[in-house]
Amino acid sequence: MTDERERGHGGGTRITDPRVMRALAHPARIAIVEHLNNTGAVVTATEAAALVDLSPSAISYHLRELAKYGLVEQAPSRGDGRERLWRSTGTGLRIDADQDDPESASARSALVDIFLERDMARARDFIARELTEPEEWRDAGTISSRQLLLTADELRQLNERVGELIEPYLMRTRKSDPPAGARRVHLNYLAFPDE
């Protein structure tokens, strides 16, 4: 039900269907898909429930809904076949709405709002606990805003270069042999034209 795989965008899933956007537009579903996409993990509903602080039965429902829209799928059993395992169908998401279709634009807006709220909550959480972090992590973290003067082609090139720069550090590819002291780091990168 998802629209296509985009190999040029990290193997992510491109979503254009407003029904898929609405199905994903739930904080627990976003958290599950994000975890599976970022880590490549295979989880049970009970394991996924621990990620979002919901009951395994509620998570089972969310996983079935995500599977219905092609965002997750059942994975092969680890052994006796009694537990139901789930995995991602991609490594990321790209939300592309048809801006000429009000339903699609509305679904995209609602979904993006949830992503932005979640990311801002993470930033606020870091700011609230920043003084409890070791000095090396306080000095390494950053929240900044810059204004650039670019053409559309230059912005496209910049985005490609940033993507290439972060590729070696992605959790999914690096988790099997991380360097000592490595921690999960959230990187939010927004680049858009101003009015």
N, C-alpha and C. Protein backbone atom coordinates (compact mmCIF):
# COMPACT_ATOMS: atom_id res chain seq x y z
N MET A 1 0.81 -1.19 0.00
CA MET A 1 0.00 0.00 0.00
C MET A 1 0.86 1.26 0.00
N THR A 2 2.09 1.17 0.54
CA THR A 2 2.97 2.32 0.41
C THR A 2 3.36 2.42 -1.05
N ASP A 3 3.81 3.58 -1.44
CA ASP A 3 3.91 3.86 -2.86
C ASP A 3 5.14 3.31 -3.54
N GLU A 4 6.29 3.43 -2.95
CA GLU A 4 7.48 2.90 -3.60
C GLU A 4 8.68 2.99 -2.67
N ARG A 5 9.71 2.24 -3.03
CA ARG A 5 11.00 2.33 -2.34
C ARG A 5 11.83 3.35 -3.08
N GLU A 6 12.51 4.16 -2.33
CA GLU A 6 13.35 5.18 -2.92
C GLU A 6 14.80 4.85 -2.58
N ARG A 7 15.48 4.18 -3.45
CA ARG A 7 16.86 3.81 -3.18
C ARG A 7 17.75 5.05 -3.07
N GLY A 8 17.43 6.10 -3.76
CA GLY A 8 18.23 7.31 -3.69
C GLY A 8 18.05 8.07 -2.39
N HIS A 9 17.11 7.67 -1.57
CA HIS A 9 16.87 8.34 -0.29
C HIS A 9 17.05 7.34 0.85
N GLY A 10 18.13 6.61 0.84
CA GLY A 10 18.46 5.70 1.93
C GLY A 10 17.57 4.48 1.99
N GLY A 11 16.96 4.09 0.87
CA GLY A 11 16.11 2.90 0.89
C GLY A 11 14.79 3.15 1.58
N GLY A 12 14.44 4.40 1.79
CA GLY A 12 13.22 4.74 2.51
C GLY A 12 11.97 4.50 1.69
N THR A 13 10.86 4.58 2.36
CA THR A 13 9.56 4.40 1.75
C THR A 13 8.96 5.75 1.43
N ARG A 14 8.59 5.95 0.20
CA ARG A 14 7.94 7.20 -0.23
C ARG A 14 6.44 7.02 -0.07
N ILE A 15 5.82 7.95 0.64
CA ILE A 15 4.39 7.87 0.90
C ILE A 15 3.71 9.06 0.25
N THR A 16 2.77 8.76 -0.66
CA THR A 16 1.98 9.81 -1.31
C THR A 16 0.50 9.63 -1.05
N ASP A 17 0.09 8.48 -0.60
CA ASP A 17 -1.32 8.16 -0.40
C ASP A 17 -1.79 8.75 0.93
N PRO A 18 -2.83 9.61 0.91
CA PRO A 18 -3.31 10.21 2.16
C PRO A 18 -3.82 9.18 3.16
N ARG A 19 -4.29 8.02 2.69
CA ARG A 19 -4.75 6.98 3.62
C ARG A 19 -3.58 6.44 4.43
N VAL A 20 -2.42 6.28 3.79
CA VAL A 20 -1.22 5.81 4.50
C VAL A 20 -0.76 6.87 5.49
N MET A 21 -0.79 8.12 5.07
CA MET A 21 -0.40 9.22 5.97
C MET A 21 -1.28 9.25 7.21
N ARG A 22 -2.60 9.10 7.02
CA ARG A 22 -3.51 9.11 8.17
C ARG A 22 -3.28 7.89 9.06
N ALA A 23 -2.98 6.74 8.46
CA ALA A 23 -2.72 5.54 9.25
C ALA A 23 -1.46 5.70 10.11
N LEU A 24 -0.49 6.41 9.60
CA LEU A 24 0.76 6.62 10.33
C LEU A 24 0.65 7.73 11.37
N ALA A 25 -0.30 8.63 11.22
CA ALA A 25 -0.40 9.83 12.04
C ALA A 25 -0.89 9.54 13.46
N HIS A 26 -0.11 8.79 14.19
CA HIS A 26 -0.37 8.47 15.59
C HIS A 26 0.99 8.37 16.27
N PRO A 27 1.19 9.04 17.41
CA PRO A 27 2.52 9.04 18.03
C PRO A 27 3.11 7.65 18.27
N ALA A 28 2.30 6.68 18.69
CA ALA A 28 2.82 5.33 18.94
C ALA A 28 3.26 4.68 17.63
N ARG A 29 2.48 4.86 16.59
CA ARG A 29 2.83 4.26 15.30
C ARG A 29 4.10 4.88 14.74
N ILE A 30 4.21 6.18 14.86
CA ILE A 30 5.43 6.85 14.40
C ILE A 30 6.64 6.33 15.18
N ALA A 31 6.50 6.19 16.49
CA ALA A 31 7.61 5.71 17.32
C ALA A 31 8.02 4.29 16.93
N ILE A 32 7.04 3.44 16.67
CA ILE A 32 7.34 2.06 16.28
C ILE A 32 8.05 2.02 14.94
N VAL A 33 7.49 2.70 13.96
CA VAL A 33 8.10 2.71 12.62
C VAL A 33 9.49 3.32 12.67
N GLU A 34 9.64 4.41 13.41
CA GLU A 34 10.95 5.04 13.54
C GLU A 34 11.97 4.07 14.14
N HIS A 35 11.59 3.39 15.21
CA HIS A 35 12.51 2.45 15.86
C HIS A 35 12.90 1.33 14.90
N LEU A 36 11.92 0.74 14.24
CA LEU A 36 12.21 -0.37 13.32
C LEU A 36 13.03 0.09 12.12
N ASN A 37 12.69 1.25 11.56
CA ASN A 37 13.46 1.77 10.43
C ASN A 37 14.89 2.09 10.82
N ASN A 38 15.06 2.74 11.97
CA ASN A 38 16.40 3.18 12.38
C ASN A 38 17.30 2.04 12.83
N THR A 39 16.72 1.02 13.45
CA THR A 39 17.55 -0.04 14.02
C THR A 39 17.60 -1.31 13.19
N GLY A 40 16.59 -1.53 12.37
CA GLY A 40 16.50 -2.81 11.65
C GLY A 40 16.09 -3.94 12.58
N ALA A 41 15.60 -3.60 13.77
CA ALA A 41 15.23 -4.61 14.76
C ALA A 41 14.01 -5.41 14.31
N VAL A 42 13.88 -6.58 14.89
CA VAL A 42 12.71 -7.43 14.76
C VAL A 42 12.13 -7.54 16.16
N VAL A 43 10.84 -7.19 16.32
CA VAL A 43 10.27 -7.10 17.66
C VAL A 43 8.92 -7.81 17.74
N THR A 44 8.57 -8.19 18.96
CA THR A 44 7.22 -8.66 19.26
C THR A 44 6.39 -7.45 19.68
N ALA A 45 5.10 -7.64 19.79
CA ALA A 45 4.23 -6.56 20.28
C ALA A 45 4.62 -6.17 21.70
N THR A 46 5.01 -7.14 22.52
CA THR A 46 5.42 -6.86 23.89
C THR A 46 6.67 -5.99 23.90
N GLU A 47 7.64 -6.31 23.06
CA GLU A 47 8.87 -5.51 22.99
C GLU A 47 8.57 -4.10 22.47
N ALA A 48 7.71 -4.00 21.48
CA ALA A 48 7.34 -2.68 20.95
C ALA A 48 6.54 -1.88 21.98
N ALA A 49 5.75 -2.56 22.79
CA ALA A 49 4.96 -1.88 23.82
C ALA A 49 5.86 -1.14 24.80
N ALA A 50 7.02 -1.69 25.10
CA ALA A 50 7.96 -1.04 26.02
C ALA A 50 8.49 0.27 25.45
N LEU A 51 8.51 0.39 24.13
CA LEU A 51 9.00 1.61 23.49
C LEU A 51 8.05 2.79 23.67
N VAL A 52 6.76 2.49 23.70
CA VAL A 52 5.76 3.56 23.66
C VAL A 52 4.84 3.57 24.88
N ASP A 53 5.09 2.71 25.83
CA ASP A 53 4.33 2.66 27.08
C ASP A 53 2.83 2.43 26.84
N LEU A 54 2.53 1.45 25.99
CA LEU A 54 1.17 1.00 25.76
C LEU A 54 1.12 -0.51 26.01
N SER A 55 -0.07 -1.05 26.09
CA SER A 55 -0.20 -2.50 26.31
C SER A 55 0.17 -3.27 25.05
N PRO A 56 0.64 -4.51 25.20
CA PRO A 56 0.93 -5.33 24.03
C PRO A 56 -0.28 -5.51 23.11
N SER A 57 -1.48 -5.60 23.68
CA SER A 57 -2.66 -5.76 22.82
C SER A 57 -2.91 -4.49 21.99
N ALA A 58 -2.71 -3.31 22.58
CA ALA A 58 -2.85 -2.07 21.81
C ALA A 58 -1.80 -2.00 20.71
N ILE A 59 -0.58 -2.41 21.03
CA ILE A 59 0.50 -2.39 20.04
C ILE A 59 0.23 -3.41 18.94
N SER A 60 -0.32 -4.55 19.27
CA SER A 60 -0.67 -5.54 18.24
C SER A 60 -1.61 -4.92 17.21
N TYR A 61 -2.60 -4.17 17.70
CA TYR A 61 -3.53 -3.50 16.80
C TYR A 61 -2.77 -2.51 15.90
N HIS A 62 -1.91 -1.68 16.51
CA HIS A 62 -1.15 -0.70 15.73
C HIS A 62 -0.25 -1.38 14.70
N LEU A 63 0.39 -2.48 15.09
CA LEU A 63 1.26 -3.20 14.15
C LEU A 63 0.47 -3.76 12.98
N ARG A 64 -0.71 -4.31 13.25
CA ARG A 64 -1.55 -4.83 12.15
C ARG A 64 -1.98 -3.71 11.21
N GLU A 65 -2.31 -2.55 11.77
CA GLU A 65 -2.69 -1.41 10.93
C GLU A 65 -1.50 -0.93 10.09
N LEU A 66 -0.33 -0.85 10.70
CA LEU A 66 0.86 -0.46 9.96
C LEU A 66 1.18 -1.46 8.84
N ALA A 67 0.97 -2.74 9.13
CA ALA A 67 1.21 -3.78 8.11
C ALA A 67 0.20 -3.66 6.97
N LYS A 68 -1.03 -3.32 7.30
CA LYS A 68 -2.06 -3.17 6.27
C LYS A 68 -1.65 -2.12 5.23
N TYR A 69 -0.88 -1.13 5.66
CA TYR A 69 -0.45 -0.06 4.77
C TYR A 69 1.00 -0.22 4.32
N GLY A 70 1.59 -1.37 4.58
CA GLY A 70 2.92 -1.67 4.07
C GLY A 70 4.07 -1.01 4.78
N LEU A 71 3.86 -0.51 5.99
CA LEU A 71 4.93 0.17 6.72
C LEU A 71 5.74 -0.78 7.60
N VAL A 72 5.14 -1.89 8.00
CA VAL A 72 5.85 -2.98 8.69
C VAL A 72 5.35 -4.28 8.10
N GLU A 73 6.03 -5.36 8.43
CA GLU A 73 5.61 -6.68 7.97
C GLU A 73 5.99 -7.72 9.01
N GLN A 74 5.33 -8.86 8.92
CA GLN A 74 5.70 -9.95 9.81
C GLN A 74 7.06 -10.47 9.41
N ALA A 75 7.85 -10.83 10.41
CA ALA A 75 9.20 -11.36 10.20
C ALA A 75 9.19 -12.85 10.51
N PRO A 76 10.16 -13.58 9.97
CA PRO A 76 10.25 -15.01 10.29
C PRO A 76 10.42 -15.23 11.80
N SER A 77 9.92 -16.34 12.26
CA SER A 77 9.96 -16.69 13.67
C SER A 77 11.40 -16.87 14.16
N ARG A 78 11.61 -16.62 15.43
CA ARG A 78 12.92 -16.84 16.05
C ARG A 78 13.10 -18.29 16.48
N GLY A 79 12.02 -19.04 16.48
CA GLY A 79 12.15 -20.41 16.99
C GLY A 79 10.88 -21.20 16.85
N ASP A 80 10.09 -21.23 17.90
CA ASP A 80 8.94 -22.13 17.93
C ASP A 80 7.73 -21.62 17.14
N GLY A 81 7.77 -20.41 16.65
CA GLY A 81 6.69 -19.90 15.82
C GLY A 81 5.49 -19.38 16.59
N ARG A 82 5.53 -19.44 17.90
CA ARG A 82 4.37 -18.96 18.67
C ARG A 82 4.33 -17.45 18.79
N GLU A 83 5.50 -16.81 18.81
CA GLU A 83 5.47 -15.36 18.92
C GLU A 83 5.45 -14.73 17.52
N ARG A 84 4.69 -13.67 17.42
CA ARG A 84 4.55 -12.96 16.16
C ARG A 84 5.60 -11.84 16.14
N LEU A 85 6.46 -11.87 15.14
CA LEU A 85 7.54 -10.89 15.03
C LEU A 85 7.25 -9.90 13.91
N TRP A 86 7.73 -8.69 14.11
CA TRP A 86 7.50 -7.61 13.15
C TRP A 86 8.81 -6.92 12.83
N ARG A 87 8.90 -6.43 11.58
CA ARG A 87 10.08 -5.67 11.14
C ARG A 87 9.63 -4.56 10.19
N SER A 88 10.54 -3.64 9.95
CA SER A 88 10.24 -2.53 9.04
C SER A 88 10.29 -3.03 7.60
N THR A 89 9.66 -2.26 6.74
CA THR A 89 9.73 -2.55 5.31
C THR A 89 10.66 -1.57 4.61
N GLY A 90 11.25 -0.66 5.36
CA GLY A 90 12.16 0.33 4.78
C GLY A 90 13.16 0.80 5.81
N THR A 91 13.90 1.82 5.42
CA THR A 91 14.89 2.38 6.34
C THR A 91 14.59 3.83 6.68
N GLY A 92 13.49 4.33 6.19
CA GLY A 92 13.09 5.70 6.46
C GLY A 92 11.80 5.99 5.73
N LEU A 93 11.32 7.20 5.92
CA LEU A 93 10.08 7.63 5.28
C LEU A 93 10.30 8.94 4.55
N ARG A 94 9.61 9.08 3.45
CA ARG A 94 9.58 10.35 2.72
C ARG A 94 8.12 10.63 2.42
N ILE A 95 7.60 11.69 2.98
CA ILE A 95 6.19 12.04 2.84
C ILE A 95 6.06 13.06 1.71
N ASP A 96 5.41 12.66 0.63
CA ASP A 96 5.21 13.52 -0.54
C ASP A 96 3.73 13.60 -0.86
N ALA A 97 3.12 14.71 -0.49
CA ALA A 97 1.69 14.89 -0.76
C ALA A 97 1.49 15.59 -2.10
N ASP A 98 0.38 15.29 -2.72
CA ASP A 98 -0.05 16.01 -3.90
C ASP A 98 -0.66 17.32 -3.41
N GLN A 99 0.07 18.40 -3.55
CA GLN A 99 -0.38 19.68 -3.01
C GLN A 99 -1.62 20.22 -3.72
N ASP A 100 -1.96 19.66 -4.88
CA ASP A 100 -3.18 20.06 -5.58
C ASP A 100 -4.41 19.31 -5.08
N ASP A 101 -4.18 18.31 -4.25
CA ASP A 101 -5.28 17.52 -3.68
C ASP A 101 -5.45 17.91 -2.22
N PRO A 102 -6.54 18.58 -1.86
CA PRO A 102 -6.73 19.04 -0.47
C PRO A 102 -6.66 17.91 0.56
N GLU A 103 -7.18 16.74 0.24
CA GLU A 103 -7.14 15.61 1.17
C GLU A 103 -5.70 15.18 1.44
N SER A 104 -4.91 15.10 0.38
CA SER A 104 -3.51 14.71 0.51
C SER A 104 -2.72 15.76 1.29
N ALA A 105 -2.94 17.03 0.96
CA ALA A 105 -2.23 18.11 1.66
C ALA A 105 -2.59 18.15 3.14
N SER A 106 -3.86 17.94 3.45
CA SER A 106 -4.31 17.94 4.84
C SER A 106 -3.72 16.77 5.63
N ALA A 107 -3.71 15.58 5.02
CA ALA A 107 -3.14 14.40 5.68
C ALA A 107 -1.65 14.60 5.93
N ARG A 108 -0.94 15.16 4.95
CA ARG A 108 0.49 15.41 5.11
C ARG A 108 0.74 16.41 6.23
N SER A 109 -0.04 17.47 6.26
CA SER A 109 0.12 18.49 7.29
C SER A 109 -0.07 17.91 8.69
N ALA A 110 -1.10 17.09 8.87
CA ALA A 110 -1.35 16.48 10.17
C ALA A 110 -0.21 15.55 10.58
N LEU A 111 0.29 14.78 9.64
CA LEU A 111 1.39 13.86 9.93
C LEU A 111 2.68 14.63 10.26
N VAL A 112 3.00 15.62 9.46
CA VAL A 112 4.20 16.40 9.71
C VAL A 112 4.13 17.12 11.05
N ASP A 113 2.95 17.60 11.43
CA ASP A 113 2.79 18.24 12.75
C ASP A 113 3.17 17.28 13.88
N ILE A 114 2.78 16.02 13.76
CA ILE A 114 3.13 15.05 14.81
C ILE A 114 4.64 14.83 14.85
N PHE A 115 5.27 14.70 13.67
CA PHE A 115 6.73 14.55 13.63
C PHE A 115 7.42 15.76 14.26
N LEU A 116 6.99 16.96 13.90
CA LEU A 116 7.62 18.17 14.44
C LEU A 116 7.43 18.30 15.94
N GLU A 117 6.23 18.00 16.44
CA GLU A 117 5.99 18.04 17.89
C GLU A 117 6.89 17.06 18.63
N ARG A 118 7.03 15.85 18.08
CA ARG A 118 7.89 14.86 18.71
C ARG A 118 9.34 15.32 18.73
N ASP A 119 9.80 15.87 17.61
CA ASP A 119 11.19 16.31 17.54
C ASP A 119 11.45 17.51 18.46
N MET A 120 10.50 18.43 18.55
CA MET A 120 10.65 19.57 19.46
C MET A 120 10.62 19.11 20.91
N ALA A 121 9.80 18.11 21.23
CA ALA A 121 9.77 17.56 22.59
C ALA A 121 11.13 16.96 22.94
N ARG A 122 11.77 16.29 21.99
CA ARG A 122 13.11 15.75 22.23
C ARG A 122 14.11 16.87 22.51
N ALA A 123 14.03 17.94 21.73
CA ALA A 123 14.95 19.06 21.93
C ALA A 123 14.72 19.71 23.30
N ARG A 124 13.45 19.89 23.67
CA ARG A 124 13.13 20.47 24.98
C ARG A 124 13.64 19.57 26.11
N ASP A 125 13.50 18.26 25.93
CA ASP A 125 13.98 17.31 26.93
C ASP A 125 15.50 17.43 27.10
N PHE A 126 16.21 17.56 25.97
CA PHE A 126 17.66 17.72 26.06
C PHE A 126 18.01 19.00 26.81
N ILE A 127 17.35 20.10 26.48
CA ILE A 127 17.63 21.37 27.15
C ILE A 127 17.36 21.27 28.64
N ALA A 128 16.29 20.57 29.02
CA ALA A 128 15.95 20.42 30.44
C ALA A 128 16.98 19.60 31.20
N ARG A 129 17.61 18.64 30.56
CA ARG A 129 18.57 17.78 31.26
C ARG A 129 20.02 18.05 30.85
N GLU A 130 20.23 19.08 30.05
CA GLU A 130 21.56 19.37 29.53
C GLU A 130 22.62 19.49 30.62
N LEU A 131 22.29 20.13 31.73
CA LEU A 131 23.28 20.34 32.80
C LEU A 131 23.63 19.04 33.52
N THR A 132 22.83 17.99 33.35
CA THR A 132 23.14 16.71 33.97
C THR A 132 23.99 15.83 33.05
N GLU A 133 24.19 16.26 31.82
CA GLU A 133 25.01 15.51 30.87
C GLU A 133 26.49 15.72 31.17
N PRO A 134 27.32 14.73 30.87
CA PRO A 134 28.77 14.96 30.99
C PRO A 134 29.21 16.12 30.10
N GLU A 135 30.24 16.81 30.51
CA GLU A 135 30.69 18.00 29.79
C GLU A 135 30.97 17.72 28.32
N GLU A 136 31.56 16.55 28.02
CA GLU A 136 31.87 16.26 26.62
C GLU A 136 30.61 16.20 25.76
N TRP A 137 29.50 15.73 26.31
CA TRP A 137 28.25 15.67 25.57
C TRP A 137 27.56 17.03 25.53
N ARG A 138 27.68 17.81 26.59
CA ARG A 138 27.13 19.18 26.57
C ARG A 138 27.81 20.00 25.49
N ASP A 139 29.13 19.84 25.39
CA ASP A 139 29.89 20.60 24.40
C ASP A 139 29.66 20.10 22.97
N ALA A 140 29.36 18.83 22.83
CA ALA A 140 29.18 18.24 21.49
C ALA A 140 27.81 18.53 20.91
N GLY A 141 26.79 18.58 21.77
CA GLY A 141 25.43 18.82 21.28
C GLY A 141 25.25 20.26 20.82
N THR A 142 24.30 20.47 19.94
CA THR A 142 24.04 21.83 19.48
C THR A 142 22.60 21.99 19.01
N ILE A 143 22.08 23.14 19.22
CA ILE A 143 20.81 23.55 18.63
C ILE A 143 21.11 24.91 18.02
N SER A 144 21.04 24.99 16.70
CA SER A 144 21.39 26.25 16.05
C SER A 144 20.43 26.53 14.91
N SER A 145 20.42 27.76 14.50
CA SER A 145 19.60 28.18 13.37
C SER A 145 20.43 29.16 12.55
N ARG A 146 20.51 28.90 11.27
CA ARG A 146 21.29 29.76 10.38
C ARG A 146 20.44 30.13 9.18
N GLN A 147 20.69 31.30 8.63
CA GLN A 147 20.04 31.70 7.39
C GLN A 147 21.08 31.66 6.28
N LEU A 148 20.73 31.01 5.20
CA LEU A 148 21.63 30.87 4.05
C LEU A 148 21.01 31.60 2.87
N LEU A 149 21.80 31.91 1.89
CA LEU A 149 21.33 32.51 0.65
C LEU A 149 21.70 31.55 -0.48
N LEU A 150 20.72 30.80 -0.98
CA LEU A 150 20.97 29.72 -1.93
C LEU A 150 19.99 29.75 -3.09
N THR A 151 20.40 29.15 -4.18
CA THR A 151 19.45 28.85 -5.26
C THR A 151 18.83 27.49 -4.95
N ALA A 152 17.78 27.13 -5.67
CA ALA A 152 17.15 25.82 -5.47
C ALA A 152 18.15 24.70 -5.76
N ASP A 153 18.99 24.85 -6.79
CA ASP A 153 20.00 23.83 -7.10
C ASP A 153 21.03 23.72 -5.99
N GLU A 154 21.45 24.87 -5.44
CA GLU A 154 22.42 24.84 -4.34
C GLU A 154 21.82 24.17 -3.11
N LEU A 155 20.55 24.43 -2.81
CA LEU A 155 19.90 23.79 -1.68
C LEU A 155 19.82 22.29 -1.89
N ARG A 156 19.48 21.86 -3.09
CA ARG A 156 19.44 20.42 -3.41
C ARG A 156 20.82 19.79 -3.20
N GLN A 157 21.86 20.47 -3.68
CA GLN A 157 23.23 19.96 -3.51
C GLN A 157 23.63 19.90 -2.04
N LEU A 158 23.27 20.93 -1.30
CA LEU A 158 23.58 20.95 0.14
C LEU A 158 22.90 19.78 0.84
N ASN A 159 21.63 19.55 0.55
CA ASN A 159 20.91 18.43 1.15
C ASN A 159 21.57 17.10 0.82
N GLU A 160 21.99 16.93 -0.43
CA GLU A 160 22.68 15.69 -0.82
C GLU A 160 23.98 15.53 -0.07
N ARG A 161 24.74 16.61 0.08
CA ARG A 161 26.02 16.53 0.79
C ARG A 161 25.83 16.21 2.27
N VAL A 162 24.82 16.82 2.88
CA VAL A 162 24.53 16.51 4.29
C VAL A 162 24.15 15.04 4.42
N GLY A 163 23.32 14.54 3.51
CA GLY A 163 22.95 13.13 3.52
C GLY A 163 24.17 12.22 3.42
N GLU A 164 25.08 12.55 2.53
CA GLU A 164 26.32 11.77 2.38
C GLU A 164 27.18 11.85 3.64
N LEU A 165 27.21 13.00 4.27
CA LEU A 165 28.01 13.20 5.48
C LEU A 165 27.51 12.34 6.63
N ILE A 166 26.19 12.24 6.81
CA ILE A 166 25.67 11.49 7.96
C ILE A 166 25.53 9.99 7.69
N GLU A 167 25.54 9.58 6.44
CA GLU A 167 25.33 8.17 6.08
C GLU A 167 26.20 7.19 6.89
N PRO A 168 27.49 7.43 7.06
CA PRO A 168 28.31 6.45 7.81
C PRO A 168 27.94 6.31 9.28
N TYR A 169 27.18 7.27 9.82
CA TYR A 169 26.86 7.27 11.24
C TYR A 169 25.46 6.76 11.55
N LEU A 170 24.70 6.37 10.55
CA LEU A 170 23.33 5.93 10.79
C LEU A 170 23.30 4.72 11.72
N MET A 171 22.37 4.75 12.66
CA MET A 171 22.28 3.70 13.67
C MET A 171 22.13 2.31 13.05
N ARG A 172 21.28 2.20 12.07
CA ARG A 172 20.98 0.90 11.48
C ARG A 172 22.23 0.22 10.92
N THR A 173 23.12 0.98 10.33
CA THR A 173 24.33 0.40 9.75
C THR A 173 25.49 0.33 10.72
N ARG A 174 25.45 1.10 11.79
CA ARG A 174 26.59 1.17 12.70
C ARG A 174 26.37 0.42 14.01
N LYS A 175 25.14 -0.01 14.28
CA LYS A 175 24.81 -0.57 15.60
C LYS A 175 25.52 -1.89 15.91
N SER A 176 25.93 -2.62 14.90
CA SER A 176 26.56 -3.92 15.17
C SER A 176 27.97 -3.78 15.73
N ASP A 177 28.64 -2.66 15.45
CA ASP A 177 30.00 -2.46 15.95
C ASP A 177 30.26 -0.98 16.24
N PRO A 178 29.53 -0.42 17.22
CA PRO A 178 29.72 1.00 17.50
C PRO A 178 31.02 1.25 18.25
N PRO A 179 31.63 2.42 18.08
CA PRO A 179 32.83 2.73 18.85
C PRO A 179 32.49 2.92 20.33
N ALA A 180 33.49 2.74 21.17
CA ALA A 180 33.29 2.92 22.61
C ALA A 180 32.78 4.32 22.88
N GLY A 181 31.78 4.41 23.76
CA GLY A 181 31.23 5.70 24.16
C GLY A 181 30.16 6.25 23.23
N ALA A 182 29.83 5.51 22.17
CA ALA A 182 28.81 6.00 21.23
C ALA A 182 27.43 5.96 21.89
N ARG A 183 26.64 6.98 21.62
CA ARG A 183 25.26 7.08 22.11
C ARG A 183 24.34 7.38 20.94
N ARG A 184 23.07 7.08 21.13
CA ARG A 184 22.09 7.47 20.13
C ARG A 184 21.98 8.98 20.15
N VAL A 185 22.04 9.59 18.99
CA VAL A 185 21.95 11.03 18.85
C VAL A 185 20.84 11.33 17.84
N HIS A 186 19.97 12.27 18.18
CA HIS A 186 18.92 12.69 17.26
C HIS A 186 19.43 13.88 16.46
N LEU A 187 19.36 13.76 15.16
CA LEU A 187 19.73 14.86 14.28
C LEU A 187 18.49 15.30 13.53
N ASN A 188 18.09 16.52 13.74
CA ASN A 188 16.99 17.11 12.98
C ASN A 188 17.60 18.11 12.03
N TYR A 189 17.30 17.95 10.79
CA TYR A 189 17.84 18.84 9.77
C TYR A 189 16.67 19.35 8.96
N LEU A 190 16.46 20.64 9.01
CA LEU A 190 15.39 21.28 8.25
C LEU A 190 16.03 22.31 7.32
N ALA A 191 15.66 22.29 6.07
CA ALA A 191 16.16 23.29 5.13
C ALA A 191 15.02 23.62 4.17
N PHE A 192 14.54 24.83 4.26
CA PHE A 192 13.39 25.21 3.45
C PHE A 192 13.47 26.69 3.10
N PRO A 193 12.87 27.08 1.99
CA PRO A 193 12.93 28.49 1.61
C PRO A 193 12.06 29.34 2.53
N ASP A 194 12.56 30.51 2.84
CA ASP A 194 11.84 31.49 3.64
C ASP A 194 11.04 32.39 2.70
N GLU A 195 10.05 33.06 3.24
CA GLU A 195 9.27 33.98 2.38
C GLU A 195 10.06 35.21 2.05
